[in-house]
């Protein structure tokens, strides 16, 4: 298959009141070959940033429950290494992530 269309991983990321990323957490681990991803927000709104600064409950791009974002058009490895998420309210949110090469 051509690069960029191969699914190489799937993960669930719990998101709470502290910012989390895809690299420093035991689960999910960012696959070594991942350059793209598709994310669905499952349970409650989260905020995200990919500029190296942690989001807060009130700062960053909002991703509401039921919404999705896609970083699949070009190689996004640097973004995948920097992106961080945080819940906007008490309790855990859950993100479902599919990784592509």
Protein backbone atom coordinates (compact mmCIF):
# COMPACT_ATOMS: atom_id res chain seq x y z
CA UNK A 1 0.00 0.00 0.00
CA UNK A 2 1.02 3.58 -0.53
CA UNK A 3 2.36 5.57 2.38
CA UNK A 4 -0.32 7.55 4.18
CA UNK A 5 -3.16 5.10 3.73
CA UNK A 6 -2.00 2.33 6.05
CA UNK A 7 -3.64 2.16 9.46
CA UNK A 8 -0.83 1.38 11.88
CA UNK A 9 -2.46 1.84 15.28
CA UNK A 10 -5.53 2.59 17.35
CA UNK A 11 -5.77 3.91 20.90
CA UNK A 12 -8.07 5.39 23.52
CA UNK A 13 -6.72 8.40 25.41
CA UNK A 14 -8.25 9.40 28.75
CA UNK A 15 -8.27 13.18 29.13
CA UNK A 16 -8.79 14.87 32.51
CA UNK A 17 -7.84 18.09 34.31
CA UNK A 18 -4.12 17.82 33.48
CA UNK A 19 -2.90 18.18 29.91
CA UNK A 20 -1.88 14.89 28.27
CA UNK A 21 -0.05 14.14 25.04
CA UNK A 22 0.58 11.15 22.81
CA UNK A 23 4.27 10.73 23.63
CA UNK A 24 4.83 10.85 27.39
CA UNK A 25 1.88 8.70 28.45
CA UNK A 26 2.18 4.96 28.89
CA UNK A 27 -1.03 4.50 26.89
CA UNK A 28 -1.44 5.30 24.13
CA UNK A 29 2.06 5.36 22.78
CA UNK A 30 2.53 7.23 19.54
CA UNK A 31 3.58 4.59 16.98
CA UNK A 32 7.07 5.16 15.60
CA UNK A 33 5.85 5.33 11.97
CA UNK A 34 2.76 7.48 12.66
CA UNK A 35 2.62 10.64 10.55
CA UNK A 36 -1.14 11.20 10.48
CA UNK A 37 -4.14 10.63 12.74
CA UNK A 38 -7.90 10.81 13.03
CA UNK A 39 -9.42 11.63 16.46
CA UNK A 40 -12.99 11.33 17.72
CA UNK A 41 -14.05 12.93 21.01
CA UNK A 42 -16.28 10.42 22.77
CA UNK A 43 -17.59 11.66 26.11
CA UNK A 44 -17.05 15.32 26.92
CA UNK A 45 -15.46 18.38 25.38
CA UNK A 46 -11.69 18.76 25.42
CA UNK A 47 -9.34 21.51 24.30
CA UNK A 48 -6.16 20.94 22.33
CA UNK A 49 -3.03 22.79 21.27
CA UNK A 50 -0.17 21.65 19.05
CA UNK A 51 2.26 24.56 19.41
CA UNK A 52 4.18 23.11 22.36
CA UNK A 53 2.10 24.95 24.98
CA UNK A 54 -0.32 23.02 27.17
CA UNK A 55 -3.99 23.87 26.73
CA UNK A 56 -6.17 24.82 29.69
CA UNK A 57 -9.86 24.23 30.35
CA UNK A 58 -10.53 27.63 28.76
CA UNK A 59 -7.67 28.05 26.24
CA UNK A 60 -7.03 26.07 23.09
CA UNK A 61 -9.12 24.67 20.26
CA UNK A 62 -12.35 23.07 21.47
CA UNK A 63 -13.33 19.57 20.42
CA UNK A 64 -16.89 18.82 21.55
CA UNK A 65 -18.22 15.35 22.34
CA UNK A 66 -19.13 13.70 19.04
CA UNK A 67 -16.77 15.89 17.01
CA UNK A 68 -13.68 14.69 15.20
CA UNK A 69 -10.49 16.16 13.79
CA UNK A 70 -8.25 14.80 11.10
CA UNK A 71 -4.57 15.32 10.51
CA UNK A 72 -4.30 13.09 7.45
CA UNK A 73 -3.58 15.29 4.43
CA UNK A 74 0.19 15.62 4.73
CA UNK A 75 2.90 14.39 7.09
CA UNK A 76 2.05 15.68 10.57
CA UNK A 77 4.69 13.91 12.72
CA UNK A 78 5.82 17.09 14.49
CA UNK A 79 2.21 17.98 15.32
CA UNK A 80 1.56 14.46 16.69
CA UNK A 81 4.59 14.81 18.96
CA UNK A 82 3.48 18.22 20.30
CA UNK A 83 -0.32 17.99 20.51
CA UNK A 84 -1.81 18.08 24.02
CA UNK A 85 -5.36 17.68 25.30
CA UNK A 86 -7.23 18.70 28.46
CA UNK A 87 -10.84 18.25 29.63
CA UNK A 88 -12.99 21.38 29.78
CA UNK A 89 -14.99 20.21 32.83
CA UNK A 90 -14.69 17.85 35.80
CA UNK A 91 -14.43 14.18 34.94
CA UNK A 92 -12.55 12.32 32.25
CA UNK A 93 -13.03 12.69 28.54
CA UNK A 94 -12.09 9.98 26.09
CA UNK A 95 -10.52 10.31 22.67
CA UNK A 96 -10.42 7.51 20.11
CA UNK A 97 -7.37 7.79 17.86
CA UNK A 98 -6.51 6.00 14.62
CA UNK A 99 -2.92 6.38 13.43
CA UNK A 100 -1.74 6.24 9.81
CA UNK A 101 1.74 6.07 8.31
